[in-house]
Amino acid sequence: MNDILKTGFADRLKTASAAKQAMLAKMKPKATVTDPLYAERAAMKAAELEKVRLERAEAKAAAKQALADAEEAARLAEAARAEADLDARRGERKERKALTKAEQKAARDAKYAARKARQ
């Protein structure tokens, strides 16, 4: 073999050893970098979680209140309808009584007039 680069056996061993060391350095785990904002991030995440929970609780309370308001409105409407129905029945009864009284008076007057006519 023609030795153009004039590298000897020792040079080749040295180059191979350096290549192996470079490969090992690539595989070697690197030192971990500690995040300086780790504690602050945890606090920010906790605050965000609390905010979301509070918003959900408020939305749930609003929905519950809306449902209660709707039920109360339905109950009041039912009570008003029942009251109107009762008033209508009372009015009809008063009309019937008034007609009955008028009919009774007319019958009494007719009897009285008949009696007067016979005399």
N, C-alpha and C. Protein backbone atom coordinates (compact mmCIF):
# COMPACT_ATOMS: atom_id res chain seq x y z
N MET A 1 0.83 -1.15 0.00
CA MET A 1 0.00 0.00 0.00
C MET A 1 0.89 1.23 0.00
N ASN A 2 0.48 2.19 -0.77
CA ASN A 2 1.24 3.41 -0.90
C ASN A 2 0.84 4.35 0.22
N ASP A 3 1.73 4.79 1.01
CA ASP A 3 1.43 5.64 2.17
C ASP A 3 1.52 7.10 1.76
N ILE A 4 0.45 7.65 1.25
CA ILE A 4 0.44 9.02 0.74
C ILE A 4 0.41 10.01 1.89
N LEU A 5 -0.45 9.77 2.90
CA LEU A 5 -0.61 10.72 4.00
C LEU A 5 0.45 10.55 5.07
N LYS A 6 1.29 9.59 4.95
CA LYS A 6 2.38 9.33 5.89
C LYS A 6 1.85 9.14 7.30
N THR A 7 0.75 8.37 7.42
CA THR A 7 0.21 8.06 8.73
C THR A 7 0.67 6.68 9.11
N GLY A 8 1.13 6.60 10.33
CA GLY A 8 1.60 5.32 10.80
C GLY A 8 0.51 4.61 11.59
N PHE A 9 0.86 3.44 12.10
CA PHE A 9 -0.08 2.63 12.87
C PHE A 9 -0.54 3.37 14.11
N ALA A 10 0.35 4.05 14.78
CA ALA A 10 0.02 4.78 16.00
C ALA A 10 -0.96 5.91 15.71
N ASP A 11 -0.77 6.58 14.58
CA ASP A 11 -1.69 7.67 14.21
C ASP A 11 -3.09 7.13 13.95
N ARG A 12 -3.16 5.98 13.31
CA ARG A 12 -4.48 5.38 13.02
C ARG A 12 -5.15 4.92 14.30
N LEU A 13 -4.39 4.36 15.23
CA LEU A 13 -4.98 3.97 16.53
C LEU A 13 -5.49 5.18 17.28
N LYS A 14 -4.73 6.25 17.22
CA LYS A 14 -5.09 7.48 17.92
C LYS A 14 -6.38 8.06 17.31
N THR A 15 -6.47 8.05 16.00
CA THR A 15 -7.66 8.57 15.32
C THR A 15 -8.88 7.71 15.63
N ALA A 16 -8.71 6.39 15.64
CA ALA A 16 -9.82 5.48 15.96
C ALA A 16 -10.28 5.68 17.40
N SER A 17 -9.32 5.85 18.30
CA SER A 17 -9.66 6.07 19.71
C SER A 17 -10.43 7.39 19.86
N ALA A 18 -10.02 8.43 19.14
CA ALA A 18 -10.72 9.72 19.22
C ALA A 18 -12.14 9.60 18.67
N ALA A 19 -12.31 8.82 17.60
CA ALA A 19 -13.65 8.62 17.02
C ALA A 19 -14.55 7.88 18.00
N LYS A 20 -13.98 6.84 18.66
CA LYS A 20 -14.76 6.10 19.67
C LYS A 20 -15.17 7.01 20.81
N GLN A 21 -14.25 7.86 21.26
CA GLN A 21 -14.54 8.79 22.36
C GLN A 21 -15.65 9.78 21.94
N ALA A 22 -15.60 10.23 20.69
CA ALA A 22 -16.63 11.15 20.19
C ALA A 22 -18.00 10.47 20.16
N MET A 23 -18.04 9.20 19.72
CA MET A 23 -19.30 8.44 19.69
C MET A 23 -19.83 8.23 21.10
N LEU A 24 -18.94 7.90 22.05
CA LEU A 24 -19.37 7.73 23.44
C LEU A 24 -19.88 9.04 24.02
N ALA A 25 -19.27 10.15 23.65
CA ALA A 25 -19.69 11.46 24.16
C ALA A 25 -21.09 11.79 23.66
N LYS A 26 -21.41 11.37 22.42
CA LYS A 26 -22.75 11.61 21.90
C LYS A 26 -23.79 10.83 22.68
N MET A 27 -23.45 9.60 23.09
CA MET A 27 -24.38 8.74 23.79
C MET A 27 -24.50 9.06 25.27
N LYS A 28 -23.53 9.74 25.79
CA LYS A 28 -23.50 10.03 27.22
C LYS A 28 -24.66 10.97 27.59
N PRO A 29 -25.38 10.67 28.66
CA PRO A 29 -26.48 11.56 29.04
C PRO A 29 -25.95 12.92 29.48
N LYS A 30 -26.68 13.94 29.05
CA LYS A 30 -26.25 15.29 29.37
C LYS A 30 -26.78 15.69 30.74
N ALA A 31 -26.14 16.62 31.33
CA ALA A 31 -26.58 17.11 32.63
C ALA A 31 -27.92 17.82 32.47
N THR A 32 -28.83 17.58 33.37
CA THR A 32 -30.15 18.20 33.28
C THR A 32 -30.08 19.67 33.64
N VAL A 33 -30.89 20.43 32.94
CA VAL A 33 -30.96 21.85 33.20
C VAL A 33 -32.23 22.07 34.03
N THR A 34 -32.08 22.60 35.19
CA THR A 34 -33.22 22.85 36.05
C THR A 34 -33.91 24.13 35.62
N ASP A 35 -35.22 24.04 35.45
CA ASP A 35 -35.99 25.21 35.02
C ASP A 35 -36.04 26.21 36.15
N PRO A 36 -35.59 27.44 35.93
CA PRO A 36 -35.61 28.43 37.01
C PRO A 36 -37.02 28.87 37.39
N LEU A 37 -37.99 28.68 36.49
CA LEU A 37 -39.36 29.10 36.76
C LEU A 37 -40.26 27.93 37.17
N TYR A 38 -39.64 26.82 37.61
CA TYR A 38 -40.43 25.63 37.93
C TYR A 38 -41.47 25.92 39.02
N ALA A 39 -41.05 26.51 40.12
CA ALA A 39 -41.97 26.77 41.23
C ALA A 39 -43.03 27.79 40.81
N GLU A 40 -42.60 28.79 40.04
CA GLU A 40 -43.56 29.80 39.59
C GLU A 40 -44.57 29.19 38.62
N ARG A 41 -44.10 28.29 37.75
CA ARG A 41 -45.01 27.64 36.82
C ARG A 41 -46.03 26.79 37.56
N ALA A 42 -45.59 26.11 38.58
CA ALA A 42 -46.51 25.30 39.37
C ALA A 42 -47.56 26.19 40.02
N ALA A 43 -47.13 27.35 40.53
CA ALA A 43 -48.08 28.28 41.16
C ALA A 43 -49.03 28.85 40.10
N MET A 44 -48.51 29.18 38.93
CA MET A 44 -49.36 29.72 37.87
C MET A 44 -50.37 28.67 37.40
N LYS A 45 -49.93 27.42 37.30
CA LYS A 45 -50.82 26.35 36.89
C LYS A 45 -51.91 26.13 37.94
N ALA A 46 -51.54 26.17 39.20
CA ALA A 46 -52.52 26.01 40.27
C ALA A 46 -53.53 27.17 40.26
N ALA A 47 -53.03 28.39 40.01
CA ALA A 47 -53.93 29.55 39.96
C ALA A 47 -54.89 29.43 38.78
N GLU A 48 -54.39 28.98 37.65
CA GLU A 48 -55.24 28.80 36.47
C GLU A 48 -56.29 27.73 36.72
N LEU A 49 -55.88 26.64 37.36
CA LEU A 49 -56.81 25.57 37.69
C LEU A 49 -57.90 26.07 38.64
N GLU A 50 -57.51 26.85 39.62
CA GLU A 50 -58.48 27.41 40.56
C GLU A 50 -59.46 28.34 39.84
N LYS A 51 -58.92 29.14 38.90
CA LYS A 51 -59.76 30.06 38.14
C LYS A 51 -60.79 29.29 37.31
N VAL A 52 -60.34 28.22 36.65
CA VAL A 52 -61.24 27.41 35.84
C VAL A 52 -62.31 26.75 36.72
N ARG A 53 -61.89 26.25 37.86
CA ARG A 53 -62.86 25.62 38.77
C ARG A 53 -63.89 26.63 39.25
N LEU A 54 -63.44 27.84 39.57
CA LEU A 54 -64.34 28.89 40.03
C LEU A 54 -65.34 29.26 38.93
N GLU A 55 -64.85 29.40 37.69
CA GLU A 55 -65.74 29.73 36.57
C GLU A 55 -66.77 28.62 36.37
N ARG A 56 -66.34 27.38 36.46
CA ARG A 56 -67.28 26.26 36.29
C ARG A 56 -68.31 26.24 37.41
N ALA A 57 -67.87 26.52 38.63
CA ALA A 57 -68.80 26.54 39.76
C ALA A 57 -69.82 27.67 39.58
N GLU A 58 -69.35 28.83 39.10
CA GLU A 58 -70.28 29.94 38.87
C GLU A 58 -71.27 29.61 37.77
N ALA A 59 -70.80 28.97 36.71
CA ALA A 59 -71.70 28.58 35.62
C ALA A 59 -72.72 27.56 36.10
N LYS A 60 -72.26 26.64 36.93
CA LYS A 60 -73.17 25.61 37.46
C LYS A 60 -74.21 26.25 38.37
N ALA A 61 -73.78 27.21 39.20
CA ALA A 61 -74.71 27.90 40.09
C ALA A 61 -75.71 28.72 39.29
N ALA A 62 -75.25 29.36 38.22
CA ALA A 62 -76.15 30.16 37.38
C ALA A 62 -77.19 29.25 36.72
N ALA A 63 -76.75 28.10 36.23
CA ALA A 63 -77.69 27.17 35.60
C ALA A 63 -78.70 26.65 36.62
N LYS A 64 -78.23 26.37 37.82
CA LYS A 64 -79.12 25.88 38.87
C LYS A 64 -80.14 26.96 39.25
N GLN A 65 -79.67 28.22 39.32
CA GLN A 65 -80.56 29.33 39.66
C GLN A 65 -81.59 29.54 38.55
N ALA A 66 -81.15 29.43 37.29
CA ALA A 66 -82.08 29.58 36.17
C ALA A 66 -83.15 28.49 36.21
N LEU A 67 -82.75 27.28 36.54
CA LEU A 67 -83.71 26.18 36.64
C LEU A 67 -84.70 26.44 37.78
N ALA A 68 -84.18 26.90 38.91
CA ALA A 68 -85.06 27.21 40.04
C ALA A 68 -86.01 28.34 39.70
N ASP A 69 -85.52 29.36 38.98
CA ASP A 69 -86.38 30.47 38.57
C ASP A 69 -87.48 29.99 37.63
N ALA A 70 -87.11 29.11 36.70
CA ALA A 70 -88.10 28.58 35.76
C ALA A 70 -89.16 27.76 36.49
N GLU A 71 -88.73 26.95 37.45
CA GLU A 71 -89.69 26.15 38.22
C GLU A 71 -90.61 27.06 39.04
N GLU A 72 -90.04 28.12 39.62
CA GLU A 72 -90.85 29.06 40.40
C GLU A 72 -91.85 29.78 39.50
N ALA A 73 -91.42 30.17 38.29
CA ALA A 73 -92.33 30.83 37.35
C ALA A 73 -93.45 29.89 36.94
N ALA A 74 -93.12 28.63 36.72
CA ALA A 74 -94.14 27.64 36.36
C ALA A 74 -95.12 27.43 37.50
N ARG A 75 -94.59 27.40 38.72
CA ARG A 75 -95.46 27.23 39.88
C ARG A 75 -96.39 28.43 40.04
N LEU A 76 -95.85 29.63 39.86
CA LEU A 76 -96.68 30.84 39.97
C LEU A 76 -97.73 30.89 38.86
N ALA A 77 -97.35 30.48 37.66
CA ALA A 77 -98.31 30.46 36.55
C ALA A 77 -99.43 29.46 36.84
N GLU A 78 -99.08 28.32 37.38
CA GLU A 78 -100.08 27.31 37.73
C GLU A 78 -101.01 27.84 38.82
N ALA A 79 -100.43 28.52 39.81
CA ALA A 79 -101.25 29.09 40.89
C ALA A 79 -102.18 30.17 40.34
N ALA A 80 -101.68 31.01 39.44
CA ALA A 80 -102.52 32.04 38.84
C ALA A 80 -103.63 31.43 38.00
N ARG A 81 -103.31 30.37 37.26
CA ARG A 81 -104.33 29.69 36.46
C ARG A 81 -105.40 29.08 37.35
N ALA A 82 -104.97 28.46 38.45
CA ALA A 82 -105.93 27.85 39.38
C ALA A 82 -106.81 28.93 40.01
N GLU A 83 -106.22 30.07 40.35
CA GLU A 83 -106.98 31.18 40.95
C GLU A 83 -107.99 31.72 39.94
N ALA A 84 -107.57 31.87 38.69
CA ALA A 84 -108.49 32.37 37.65
C ALA A 84 -109.63 31.38 37.44
N ASP A 85 -109.31 30.09 37.45
CA ASP A 85 -110.33 29.05 37.29
C ASP A 85 -111.33 29.10 38.44
N LEU A 86 -110.82 29.27 39.64
CA LEU A 86 -111.69 29.35 40.81
C LEU A 86 -112.57 30.59 40.75
N ASP A 87 -112.01 31.72 40.34
CA ASP A 87 -112.79 32.95 40.21
C ASP A 87 -113.89 32.79 39.16
N ALA A 88 -113.54 32.11 38.06
CA ALA A 88 -114.53 31.88 37.00
C ALA A 88 -115.67 31.01 37.52
N ARG A 89 -115.34 29.97 38.26
CA ARG A 89 -116.39 29.10 38.82
C ARG A 89 -117.25 29.86 39.82
N ARG A 90 -116.61 30.72 40.63
CA ARG A 90 -117.38 31.52 41.59
C ARG A 90 -118.32 32.49 40.87
N GLY A 91 -117.81 33.09 39.80
CA GLY A 91 -118.64 34.02 39.03
C GLY A 91 -119.83 33.32 38.41
N GLU A 92 -119.60 32.13 37.85
CA GLU A 92 -120.70 31.35 37.27
C GLU A 92 -121.74 30.99 38.34
N ARG A 93 -121.25 30.62 39.50
CA ARG A 93 -122.16 30.25 40.59
C ARG A 93 -123.00 31.45 41.02
N LYS A 94 -122.33 32.64 41.10
CA LYS A 94 -123.08 33.85 41.47
C LYS A 94 -124.14 34.18 40.42
N GLU A 95 -123.79 34.00 39.14
CA GLU A 95 -124.76 34.24 38.08
C GLU A 95 -125.95 33.29 38.20
N ARG A 96 -125.64 32.01 38.44
CA ARG A 96 -126.72 31.03 38.58
C ARG A 96 -127.61 31.39 39.76
N LYS A 97 -126.99 31.78 40.87
CA LYS A 97 -127.79 32.14 42.05
C LYS A 97 -128.64 33.37 41.76
N ALA A 98 -128.04 34.36 41.07
CA ALA A 98 -128.80 35.57 40.76
C ALA A 98 -129.97 35.24 39.85
N LEU A 99 -129.74 34.37 38.83
CA LEU A 99 -130.84 33.97 37.95
C LEU A 99 -131.89 33.20 38.73
N THR A 100 -131.46 32.34 39.61
CA THR A 100 -132.40 31.55 40.40
C THR A 100 -133.24 32.47 41.28
N LYS A 101 -132.58 33.45 41.89
CA LYS A 101 -133.32 34.41 42.72
C LYS A 101 -134.30 35.21 41.88
N ALA A 102 -133.86 35.62 40.69
CA ALA A 102 -134.76 36.38 39.82
C ALA A 102 -135.93 35.52 39.39
N GLU A 103 -135.66 34.24 39.05
CA GLU A 103 -136.74 33.34 38.66
C GLU A 103 -137.70 33.10 39.82
N GLN A 104 -137.15 32.93 41.02
CA GLN A 104 -138.00 32.73 42.19
C GLN A 104 -138.88 33.97 42.44
N LYS A 105 -138.26 35.15 42.28
CA LYS A 105 -139.03 36.37 42.50
C LYS A 105 -140.13 36.49 41.44
N ALA A 106 -139.76 36.14 40.20
CA ALA A 106 -140.76 36.21 39.12
C ALA A 106 -141.90 35.23 39.41
N ALA A 107 -141.57 34.04 39.89
CA ALA A 107 -142.60 33.05 40.21
C ALA A 107 -143.46 33.55 41.36
N ARG A 108 -142.85 34.15 42.38
CA ARG A 108 -143.61 34.70 43.51
C ARG A 108 -144.54 35.82 43.05
N ASP A 109 -143.97 36.70 42.20
CA ASP A 109 -144.78 37.81 41.69
C ASP A 109 -145.95 37.30 40.85
N ALA A 110 -145.67 36.22 40.08
CA ALA A 110 -146.74 35.64 39.27
C ALA A 110 -147.84 35.06 40.15
N LYS A 111 -147.44 34.37 41.20
CA LYS A 111 -148.43 33.81 42.14
C LYS A 111 -149.24 34.94 42.79
N TYR A 112 -148.51 35.99 43.19
CA TYR A 112 -149.17 37.12 43.84
C TYR A 112 -150.15 37.77 42.87
N ALA A 113 -149.70 37.95 41.62
CA ALA A 113 -150.58 38.57 40.62
C ALA A 113 -151.78 37.68 40.34
N ALA A 114 -151.57 36.36 40.31
CA ALA A 114 -152.68 35.43 40.08
C ALA A 114 -153.67 35.49 41.23
N ARG A 115 -153.17 35.56 42.43
CA ARG A 115 -154.03 35.63 43.60
C ARG A 115 -154.82 36.93 43.58
N LYS A 116 -154.18 38.02 43.22
CA LYS A 116 -154.87 39.31 43.16
C LYS A 116 -155.92 39.30 42.06
N ALA A 117 -155.60 38.60 40.99
CA ALA A 117 -156.54 38.56 39.88
C ALA A 117 -157.78 37.74 40.26
N ARG A 118 -157.63 36.75 41.09
CA ARG A 118 -158.77 35.92 41.51
C ARG A 118 -159.64 36.66 42.50
N GLN A 119 -159.10 37.57 43.20
CA GLN A 119 -159.90 38.23 44.24
C GLN A 119 -160.76 39.28 43.73
